[in-house]
């Protein structure tokens, strides 16, 4: 009787945790998918123009991600800690101040980045890329500069709303922006015959529209009345604090992101670079689009684990990890099987070229494997991020950077180059290198978090929050 009751209680706890996890993850997954689809639309449409256009967009997207968008995404991670703490402490006015500090900081970062994009072709030619592809990539990048500056404002606002659990306006705004982006991109690329430049303009316009919708909501919504962005001396002074939290976050995120984009650049040095670059870019696009699902659940796991550790409930934190691992493993297996089963049709969504379609089909088994490894990595990173928030100030932020540095730059990329060039596996070899790096990263973070004393961390978190409450009390 007692065993039956214990089993029922365990099942109820499992269902309750799954419901909580899904409530957090579902909106985040949808927003991430909608945002990524705006970038994917450009690749899909340009891929049906010609092979040179697709290759130039692939190279330009790779470098603009490396030098710009990934940097903004990494730095804005610092806002999660600052706004999260302020919201938890009900210091709502600080959320607006922190967000303003982040916007100013990211705009300052965008200035040198945009200048480097203007001379992108010279860098590409210097490292041995095809001159025709390099010139087209430069043109595409220049027209992405407005999108870069809109991202500097948009990313902090989005993160601020997420910390307040205001996900509905993000869903509506991103959906509207995508609905406008698709016909706009089609008109510029095909009707006005602007090619890749038209795709870049459509992407920039859609991002500014997305930003205006978010600003409109924040300005007129009563829910944001106490957290609106305000320019003040506190915001300017807070730039230093923002970078203190943002730089470690950027280093950890960018090291992984950069390794993927570096391999796209390396593919341009292979024989028949137009084909190899196009195919690797398509594979990366498929993998990244899927990654939005485990990313959402990983972020939800991070939130749930942080909440339970902060409340002194290590057992509930363990349950949250078990639930999300089961969900993600099931999802990864289903998707990887679907990708493999549809391997002969995947390439047709991106290109009409038979050689591209055939090459993508041969890459499908490796994409399927990377889908599973990336899914595990997303959840483990979410669990790792939660520990970083609990152990902030203890120097743990740098451990994640060291793990990514070793996994991808000491093992993954060298293995990819060795397989692609000396062993002549070409794009397949580069992709296998990505998988090797992901496996090493996931294994390393699993060992570190697995050896962590959860009960001890929960106790420390409780003591730290109590100390912070005392320090914040007026004297």
Protein backbone atom coordinates (compact mmCIF):
# COMPACT_ATOMS: atom_id res chain seq x y z
CA UNK A 1 0.00 0.00 0.00
CA UNK A 2 2.78 2.40 0.97
CA UNK A 3 4.74 1.48 -2.17
CA UNK A 4 1.67 2.22 -4.32
CA UNK A 5 1.18 5.57 -2.60
CA UNK A 6 4.86 6.43 -3.04
CA UNK A 7 4.63 5.53 -6.73
CA UNK A 8 1.55 7.73 -7.17
CA UNK A 9 3.25 10.64 -5.38
CA UNK A 10 6.30 10.24 -7.61
CA UNK A 11 4.12 10.23 -10.71
CA UNK A 12 2.26 13.33 -9.55
CA UNK A 13 5.54 15.15 -8.87
CA UNK A 14 6.82 14.09 -12.30
CA UNK A 15 3.66 15.35 -14.04
CA UNK A 16 3.71 18.57 -12.05
CA UNK A 17 7.33 19.22 -12.97
CA UNK A 18 6.64 18.45 -16.63
CA UNK A 19 3.76 20.94 -16.62
CA UNK A 20 5.92 23.66 -15.04
CA UNK A 21 8.78 22.93 -17.45
CA UNK A 22 6.54 23.02 -20.52
CA UNK A 23 4.92 26.29 -19.41
CA UNK A 24 8.33 27.98 -19.38
CA UNK A 25 9.87 26.22 -22.38
CA UNK A 26 7.05 26.41 -24.95
CA UNK A 27 6.96 30.23 -25.32
CA UNK A 28 10.76 30.41 -25.38
CA UNK A 29 10.97 27.75 -28.10
CA UNK A 30 8.40 29.52 -30.27
CA UNK A 31 10.10 32.91 -29.94
CA UNK A 32 13.51 31.40 -30.74
CA UNK A 33 12.11 29.56 -33.80
CA UNK A 34 10.36 32.67 -35.13
CA UNK A 35 13.47 34.81 -34.70
CA UNK A 36 15.67 32.25 -36.41
CA UNK A 37 13.21 31.78 -39.29
CA UNK A 38 13.70 35.43 -40.23
CA UNK A 39 17.35 34.69 -40.96
CA UNK A 40 16.52 31.35 -42.57
CA UNK A 41 14.14 32.99 -45.07
CA UNK A 42 17.07 34.86 -46.62
CA UNK A 43 19.11 31.67 -47.09
CA UNK A 44 16.15 29.75 -48.53
CA UNK A 45 15.25 32.38 -51.10
CA UNK A 46 18.79 33.29 -52.13
CA UNK A 47 19.55 29.58 -52.56
CA UNK A 48 17.07 29.52 -55.44
CA UNK A 49 18.85 32.37 -57.25
CA UNK A 50 22.23 30.77 -57.99
CA UNK A 51 25.09 28.92 -56.31
CA UNK A 52 27.34 31.99 -56.02
CA UNK A 53 24.59 33.96 -54.25
CA UNK A 54 24.03 31.10 -51.79
CA UNK A 55 27.78 30.75 -51.12
CA UNK A 56 28.24 34.50 -50.55
CA UNK A 57 25.27 34.64 -48.16
CA UNK A 58 26.62 31.57 -46.34
CA UNK A 59 30.05 33.20 -45.89
CA UNK A 60 28.58 36.59 -44.97
CA UNK A 61 26.13 35.06 -42.48
CA UNK A 62 28.99 33.11 -40.95
CA UNK A 63 31.24 36.14 -40.45
CA UNK A 64 28.49 38.52 -39.33
CA UNK A 65 27.45 35.93 -36.75
CA UNK A 66 31.03 35.49 -35.59
CA UNK A 67 31.88 39.18 -35.29
CA UNK A 68 28.50 40.70 -34.50
CA UNK A 69 25.30 38.85 -33.68
CA UNK A 70 26.91 36.15 -31.53
CA UNK A 71 28.80 38.83 -29.62
CA UNK A 72 25.57 40.71 -28.85
CA UNK A 73 23.80 37.49 -27.86
CA UNK A 74 26.66 36.55 -25.55
CA UNK A 75 27.01 39.94 -23.89
CA UNK A 76 23.28 40.33 -23.26
CA UNK A 77 23.42 37.16 -21.18
CA UNK A 78 24.77 39.34 -18.38
CA UNK A 79 21.41 41.10 -18.28
CA UNK A 80 19.70 37.86 -17.25
CA UNK A 81 21.55 37.89 -13.94
CA UNK A 82 21.10 41.62 -13.29
CA UNK A 83 17.42 41.87 -14.26
CA UNK A 84 16.61 38.51 -12.71
CA UNK A 85 17.99 39.59 -9.36
CA UNK A 86 16.23 42.96 -9.53
CA UNK A 87 12.89 41.35 -10.43
CA UNK A 88 13.23 38.78 -7.66
CA UNK A 89 14.02 41.52 -5.15
CA UNK A 90 11.05 43.59 -6.47
CA UNK A 91 13.41 46.45 -7.32
CA UNK A 92 11.57 47.07 -10.58
CA UNK A 93 13.10 50.45 -11.34
CA UNK A 94 16.53 48.81 -11.58
CA UNK A 95 15.35 46.60 -14.46
CA UNK A 96 14.91 49.69 -16.66
CA UNK A 97 18.30 51.05 -15.57
CA UNK A 98 20.10 47.76 -16.24
CA UNK A 99 18.41 47.41 -19.63
CA UNK A 100 19.47 50.93 -20.59
CA UNK A 101 23.07 50.14 -19.57
CA UNK A 102 22.97 47.07 -21.78
CA UNK A 103 21.60 49.00 -24.78
CA UNK A 104 24.30 51.68 -24.51
CA UNK A 105 27.00 49.02 -24.13
CA UNK A 106 25.85 47.01 -27.14
CA UNK A 107 25.54 50.10 -29.35
CA UNK A 108 29.15 51.00 -28.49
CA UNK A 109 30.22 47.46 -29.44
CA UNK A 110 28.35 47.72 -32.77
CA UNK A 111 30.38 50.71 -34.00
CA UNK A 112 33.75 48.93 -34.54
CA UNK A 113 31.94 45.77 -35.67
CA UNK A 114 30.06 47.61 -38.43
CA UNK A 115 33.28 49.25 -39.63
CA UNK A 116 34.90 45.80 -39.96
CA UNK A 117 31.95 44.61 -42.09
CA UNK A 118 32.62 47.39 -44.62
CA UNK A 119 36.04 45.86 -45.35
CA UNK A 120 34.88 42.25 -45.16
CA UNK A 121 35.89 41.41 -48.74
CA UNK A 122 39.53 42.30 -48.11
CA UNK A 123 39.69 39.92 -45.16
CA UNK A 124 38.04 37.09 -47.10
CA UNK A 125 40.40 37.47 -50.06
CA UNK A 126 43.34 37.62 -47.64
CA UNK A 127 42.47 34.19 -46.19
CA UNK A 128 42.09 32.65 -49.65
CA UNK A 129 38.35 32.93 -50.36
CA UNK A 130 37.03 33.29 -53.90
CA UNK A 131 37.12 37.04 -54.89
CA UNK A 132 33.65 36.96 -56.52
CA UNK A 133 32.08 35.34 -53.44
CA UNK A 134 34.00 37.77 -51.16
CA UNK A 135 32.66 40.88 -52.94
CA UNK A 136 29.07 39.58 -52.82
CA UNK A 137 29.50 38.69 -49.14
CA UNK A 138 30.69 42.24 -48.39
CA UNK A 139 27.62 43.76 -50.06
CA UNK A 140 25.31 41.47 -48.08
CA UNK A 141 27.09 42.36 -44.81
CA UNK A 142 26.89 46.11 -45.38
CA UNK A 143 23.11 45.92 -45.73
CA UNK A 144 22.97 43.91 -42.49
CA UNK A 145 24.49 46.79 -40.47
CA UNK A 146 21.04 48.30 -39.69
CA UNK A 147 19.97 44.89 -38.35
CA UNK A 148 23.06 44.85 -36.11
CA UNK A 149 22.13 48.15 -34.47
CA UNK A 150 18.49 47.14 -34.10
CA UNK A 151 19.75 43.97 -32.37
CA UNK A 152 21.74 46.10 -29.92
CA UNK A 153 18.46 47.61 -28.73
CA UNK A 154 16.18 44.64 -29.29
CA UNK A 155 18.15 41.92 -27.49
CA UNK A 156 18.25 43.75 -24.10
CA UNK A 157 14.53 44.57 -24.35
CA UNK A 158 13.66 40.95 -25.15
CA UNK A 159 15.79 39.65 -22.28
CA UNK A 160 14.21 42.20 -19.93
CA UNK A 161 10.70 41.02 -20.85
CA UNK A 162 11.73 37.38 -20.46
CA UNK A 163 12.96 37.95 -16.90
CA UNK A 164 9.50 39.37 -16.13
CA UNK A 165 7.79 36.33 -17.76
CA UNK A 166 6.18 38.60 -20.36
CA UNK A 167 6.50 36.20 -23.28
CA UNK A 168 3.17 36.84 -25.04
CA UNK A 169 4.21 40.20 -26.59
CA UNK A 170 7.44 38.57 -27.77
CA UNK A 171 5.45 35.82 -29.51
CA UNK A 172 3.03 38.21 -31.19
CA UNK A 173 5.73 40.69 -32.26
CA UNK A 174 8.10 38.06 -33.64
CA UNK A 175 5.23 36.36 -35.53
CA UNK A 176 4.16 39.66 -37.12
CA UNK A 177 7.74 40.49 -38.07
CA UNK A 178 8.17 37.08 -39.74
CA UNK A 179 4.86 37.42 -41.61
CA UNK A 180 6.09 40.68 -43.11
CA UNK A 181 9.64 39.43 -43.69
CA UNK A 182 8.61 36.53 -45.97
CA UNK A 183 6.73 38.54 -48.67
CA UNK A 184 9.17 41.43 -48.33
CA UNK A 185 12.17 39.18 -48.92
CA UNK A 186 10.43 37.47 -51.85
CA UNK A 187 9.62 40.83 -53.46
CA UNK A 188 13.17 42.18 -53.08
CA UNK A 189 14.93 38.99 -54.20
CA UNK A 190 12.74 37.89 -57.11
CA UNK A 191 10.45 40.73 -58.21
CA UNK A 192 12.96 43.57 -57.87
CA UNK A 193 15.86 41.26 -58.89
CA UNK A 194 18.01 42.49 -55.98
CA UNK A 195 19.33 39.02 -55.11
CA UNK A 196 21.25 38.65 -51.86
CA UNK A 197 21.21 42.41 -51.21
CA UNK A 198 17.41 42.35 -51.25
CA UNK A 199 17.41 39.53 -48.68
CA UNK A 200 19.68 41.57 -46.39
CA UNK A 201 17.48 44.67 -46.71
CA UNK A 202 14.35 42.64 -45.94
CA UNK A 203 16.01 41.14 -42.86
CA UNK A 204 17.08 44.57 -41.58
CA UNK A 205 13.65 46.11 -42.17
CA UNK A 206 11.91 43.20 -40.42
CA UNK A 207 14.21 43.48 -37.40
CA UNK A 208 13.47 47.18 -37.03
CA UNK A 209 9.76 46.43 -37.29
CA UNK A 210 10.13 43.79 -34.57
CA UNK A 211 11.94 46.37 -32.42
CA UNK A 212 9.24 49.00 -32.92
CA UNK A 213 6.52 46.54 -31.90
CA UNK A 214 8.39 45.68 -28.70
CA UNK A 215 9.03 49.38 -27.91
CA UNK A 216 5.34 50.14 -28.53
CA UNK A 217 4.32 47.41 -26.07
CA UNK A 218 6.77 48.52 -23.37
CA UNK A 219 5.71 52.15 -23.71
CA UNK A 220 1.96 51.58 -23.40
CA UNK A 221 1.62 48.39 -21.34
CA UNK A 222 0.73 48.82 -17.68
CA UNK A 223 2.74 45.67 -16.89
CA UNK A 224 5.91 47.55 -17.86
CA UNK A 225 5.00 50.72 -16.01
CA UNK A 226 7.66 50.25 -13.33
CA UNK A 227 10.34 48.64 -15.52
CA UNK A 228 10.54 50.98 -18.51
CA UNK A 229 13.95 51.91 -19.89
CA UNK A 230 15.13 55.28 -18.66
CA UNK A 231 18.32 57.08 -19.60
CA UNK A 232 20.05 58.27 -16.44
CA UNK A 233 23.46 58.66 -14.86
CA UNK A 234 22.87 55.36 -13.06
CA UNK A 235 22.51 53.65 -16.44
CA UNK A 236 25.82 55.10 -17.65
CA UNK A 237 27.59 54.13 -14.43
CA UNK A 238 26.06 50.66 -14.72
CA UNK A 239 27.89 49.96 -18.02
CA UNK A 240 30.90 48.69 -16.06
CA UNK A 241 28.74 46.28 -14.04
CA UNK A 242 27.00 45.06 -17.19
CA UNK A 243 30.30 44.17 -18.85
CA UNK A 244 31.42 42.41 -15.64
CA UNK A 245 28.55 39.95 -16.03
CA UNK A 246 28.30 40.07 -19.84
CA UNK A 247 31.90 39.29 -20.81
CA UNK A 248 32.08 35.83 -19.14
CA UNK A 249 28.70 34.98 -20.68
CA UNK A 250 29.87 36.16 -24.11
CA UNK A 251 33.11 34.18 -23.92
CA UNK A 252 31.32 30.91 -23.10
CA UNK A 253 28.64 31.34 -25.79
CA UNK A 254 30.87 32.79 -28.50
CA UNK A 255 33.58 30.13 -28.25
CA UNK A 256 31.04 27.46 -29.26
CA UNK A 257 29.32 29.64 -31.87
CA UNK A 258 32.60 30.80 -33.41
CA UNK A 259 33.86 27.24 -33.80
CA UNK A 260 30.89 26.41 -36.02
CA UNK A 261 31.29 29.51 -38.14
CA UNK A 262 35.04 28.96 -38.46
CA UNK A 263 34.33 25.61 -40.08
CA UNK A 264 32.04 27.30 -42.62
CA UNK A 265 34.93 29.62 -43.52
CA UNK A 266 37.32 26.65 -43.74
CA UNK A 267 34.93 24.96 -46.15
CA UNK A 268 35.69 27.77 -48.60
CA UNK A 269 39.24 26.42 -48.87
CA UNK A 270 38.08 22.97 -50.01
CA UNK A 271 38.00 21.93 -53.67
CA UNK A 272 34.80 23.25 -55.29
CA UNK A 273 34.24 25.83 -52.51
CA UNK A 274 30.85 26.96 -53.85
CA UNK A 275 29.39 23.47 -53.34
CA UNK A 276 31.15 22.70 -50.04
CA UNK A 277 30.28 26.06 -48.44
CA UNK A 278 26.66 25.89 -49.59
CA UNK A 279 26.16 22.35 -48.27
CA UNK A 280 27.83 23.01 -44.91
CA UNK A 281 25.76 26.17 -44.50
CA UNK A 282 22.56 24.22 -45.18
CA UNK A 283 23.55 21.56 -42.64
CA UNK A 284 24.33 24.25 -40.07
CA UNK A 285 21.00 25.94 -40.76
CA UNK A 286 19.07 22.68 -40.22
CA UNK A 287 20.97 21.95 -37.02
CA UNK A 288 20.57 25.49 -35.67
CA UNK A 289 16.84 25.56 -36.42
CA UNK A 290 16.35 22.35 -34.46
CA UNK A 291 18.56 23.65 -31.64
CA UNK A 292 15.87 26.21 -30.74
CA UNK A 293 13.82 23.35 -29.23
CA UNK A 294 16.41 21.95 -26.78
CA UNK A 295 17.57 25.53 -26.16
CA UNK A 296 14.10 26.43 -24.89
CA UNK A 297 13.93 23.38 -22.64
CA UNK A 298 17.52 23.96 -21.50
CA UNK A 299 16.65 27.52 -20.49
CA UNK A 300 13.53 26.24 -18.72
CA UNK A 301 15.63 23.67 -16.89
CA UNK A 302 18.07 26.39 -15.89
CA UNK A 303 15.23 28.48 -14.46
CA UNK A 304 13.63 25.56 -12.62
CA UNK A 305 16.93 24.32 -11.16
CA UNK A 306 17.90 27.85 -10.09
CA UNK A 307 14.53 28.39 -8.43
CA UNK A 308 14.62 25.11 -6.54
CA UNK A 309 18.24 25.51 -5.43
CA UNK A 310 17.47 29.04 -4.32
CA UNK A 311 14.53 27.69 -2.31
CA UNK A 312 16.76 25.03 -0.74
CA UNK A 313 15.16 22.09 -2.58
CA UNK A 314 18.00 20.06 -4.17
CA UNK A 315 15.75 17.01 -4.66
CA UNK A 316 13.29 19.06 -6.72
CA UNK A 317 16.24 20.40 -8.72
CA UNK A 318 17.31 16.83 -9.51
CA UNK A 319 13.75 15.98 -10.56
CA UNK A 320 13.70 18.97 -12.94
CA UNK A 321 16.90 17.74 -14.59
CA UNK A 322 15.55 14.18 -14.95
CA UNK A 323 12.29 15.39 -16.50
CA UNK A 324 13.95 17.66 -19.06
CA UNK A 325 16.53 15.01 -19.97
CA UNK A 326 13.77 12.48 -20.73
CA UNK A 327 11.82 15.00 -22.82
CA UNK A 328 14.86 16.12 -24.80
CA UNK A 329 16.20 12.62 -25.46
CA UNK A 330 12.78 11.53 -26.76
CA UNK A 331 12.48 14.63 -28.95
CA UNK A 332 16.06 14.30 -30.29
CA UNK A 333 15.58 10.66 -31.30
CA UNK A 334 12.30 11.43 -33.11
CA UNK A 335 13.74 14.43 -34.99
CA UNK A 336 16.99 12.68 -35.92
CA UNK A 337 15.02 9.75 -37.36
CA UNK A 338 12.81 12.17 -39.31
CA UNK A 339 15.85 13.99 -40.74
CA UNK A 340 17.38 10.71 -41.84
CA UNK A 341 14.10 9.52 -43.35
CA UNK A 342 13.65 12.75 -45.32
CA UNK A 343 17.30 13.02 -46.36
CA UNK A 344 16.53 12.98 -50.10
CA UNK A 345 14.17 15.97 -49.76
CA UNK A 346 16.03 18.22 -47.30
CA UNK A 347 18.29 19.87 -49.86
CA UNK A 348 15.36 20.75 -52.15
CA UNK A 349 14.12 23.29 -49.61
CA UNK A 350 17.35 25.25 -50.01
CA UNK A 351 18.46 24.74 -53.59
CA UNK A 352 17.39 23.47 -57.01
CA UNK A 353 20.91 22.27 -57.79
CA UNK A 354 20.94 18.45 -57.97
CA UNK A 355 24.54 18.25 -56.71
CA UNK A 356 23.61 20.27 -53.60
CA UNK A 357 20.50 18.14 -52.94
CA UNK A 358 22.50 14.91 -53.31
CA UNK A 359 25.33 16.15 -51.11
CA UNK A 360 22.90 17.18 -48.35
CA UNK A 361 21.34 13.71 -48.49
CA UNK A 362 24.76 12.11 -47.90
CA UNK A 363 25.29 14.45 -44.92
CA UNK A 364 21.95 13.54 -43.28
CA UNK A 365 23.34 10.70 -41.08
CA UNK A 366 25.89 13.09 -39.58
CA UNK A 367 23.24 15.78 -39.06
CA UNK A 368 21.10 13.20 -37.24
CA UNK A 369 23.97 12.40 -34.87
CA UNK A 370 24.67 16.09 -34.20
CA UNK A 371 20.98 16.68 -33.41
CA UNK A 372 21.24 14.19 -30.54
CA UNK A 373 24.56 15.56 -29.21
CA UNK A 374 23.38 19.18 -29.48
CA UNK A 375 20.15 18.35 -27.65
CA UNK A 376 22.07 16.84 -24.74
CA UNK A 377 24.51 19.75 -24.78
CA UNK A 378 21.67 22.31 -24.59
CA UNK A 379 20.16 20.73 -21.49
CA UNK A 380 23.51 20.21 -19.80
CA UNK A 381 24.46 23.83 -20.54
CA UNK A 382 21.13 24.92 -19.06
CA UNK A 383 21.92 22.98 -15.91
CA UNK A 384 25.43 24.43 -15.94
CA UNK A 385 24.09 27.99 -16.34
CA UNK A 386 21.85 27.53 -13.32
CA UNK A 387 24.86 26.55 -11.24
CA UNK A 388 26.70 29.64 -12.48
CA UNK A 389 23.88 31.84 -11.24
CA UNK A 390 23.88 30.13 -7.86
CA UNK A 391 27.68 30.25 -7.59
CA UNK A 392 28.16 33.73 -9.06
CA UNK A 393 31.28 35.49 -7.80
CA UNK A 394 33.06 32.19 -7.18
CA UNK A 395 35.02 32.18 -10.44
CA UNK A 396 32.95 29.40 -12.02
CA UNK A 397 32.13 31.54 -15.07
CA UNK A 398 35.60 30.90 -16.49
CA UNK A 399 35.30 27.11 -16.22
CA UNK A 400 32.65 27.03 -18.95
CA UNK A 401 34.93 29.07 -21.20
CA UNK A 402 37.84 26.70 -20.58
CA UNK A 403 35.65 23.67 -21.35
CA UNK A 404 34.47 25.15 -24.66
CA UNK A 405 37.98 26.28 -25.55
CA UNK A 406 39.38 22.80 -25.03
CA UNK A 407 36.46 20.88 -26.57
CA UNK A 408 36.25 22.83 -29.80
CA UNK A 409 39.63 24.49 -30.35
CA UNK A 410 41.99 21.80 -29.03
CA UNK A 411 39.98 18.80 -30.26
CA UNK A 412 36.95 19.62 -32.46
CA UNK A 413 38.45 22.01 -35.04
CA UNK A 414 41.82 20.18 -35.39
CA UNK A 415 39.91 16.90 -35.87
CA UNK A 416 37.66 18.57 -38.44
CA UNK A 417 40.61 19.93 -40.43
CA UNK A 418 42.41 16.57 -40.30
CA UNK A 419 39.35 14.69 -41.53
CA UNK A 420 38.43 17.26 -44.20
CA UNK A 421 41.85 17.76 -45.83
CA UNK A 422 44.38 14.93 -45.26
CA UNK A 423 41.65 12.25 -45.16
CA UNK A 424 39.66 13.98 -47.96
CA UNK A 425 36.28 13.71 -46.22
CA UNK A 426 35.63 17.37 -47.10
CA UNK A 427 32.40 18.78 -45.57
CA UNK A 428 31.66 15.43 -43.90
CA UNK A 429 34.98 15.64 -42.07
CA UNK A 430 34.25 19.19 -40.91
CA UNK A 431 30.86 18.13 -39.56
CA UNK A 432 32.31 15.11 -37.76
CA UNK A 433 34.71 17.53 -36.04
CA UNK A 434 31.69 19.51 -34.77
CA UNK A 435 30.19 16.32 -33.35
CA UNK A 436 33.49 15.40 -31.62
CA UNK A 437 33.67 18.84 -30.00
CA UNK A 438 30.04 18.64 -28.81
CA UNK A 439 30.59 15.20 -27.27
CA UNK A 440 33.69 16.38 -25.37
CA UNK A 441 31.90 19.54 -24.20
CA UNK A 442 28.81 17.66 -22.99
CA UNK A 443 30.90 15.00 -21.24
CA UNK A 444 33.08 17.58 -19.48
CA UNK A 445 30.17 19.70 -18.23
CA UNK A 446 28.31 16.55 -17.16
CA UNK A 447 31.26 15.43 -15.05
CA UNK A 448 31.64 18.85 -13.43
CA UNK A 449 27.94 19.26 -12.62
CA UNK A 450 27.64 15.58 -11.64
CA UNK A 451 30.38 15.97 -9.04
CA UNK A 452 28.76 19.11 -7.63
CA UNK A 453 27.24 18.85 -4.16
CA UNK A 454 23.71 20.08 -4.88
CA UNK A 455 22.67 20.28 -1.24
CA UNK A 456 25.74 22.35 -0.41
CA UNK A 457 25.06 24.71 -3.32
CA UNK A 458 21.43 25.11 -2.21
CA UNK A 459 22.57 25.99 1.32
CA UNK A 460 25.09 28.52 0.00
CA UNK A 461 22.45 30.10 -2.25
CA UNK A 462 20.05 30.48 0.67
CA UNK A 463 22.75 32.06 2.85
CA UNK A 464 23.80 34.42 0.05
CA UNK A 465 20.24 35.61 -0.62
CA UNK A 466 19.70 36.22 3.10
CA UNK A 467 22.92 38.23 3.25
CA UNK A 468 21.91 40.29 0.20
CA UNK A 469 18.52 41.05 1.74
CA UNK A 470 20.22 42.37 4.89
CA UNK A 471 22.62 44.51 2.85
CA UNK A 472 19.72 45.98 0.83
CA UNK A 473 17.73 46.95 3.90
CA UNK A 474 17.71 50.72 4.54
CA UNK A 475 19.76 51.80 7.54
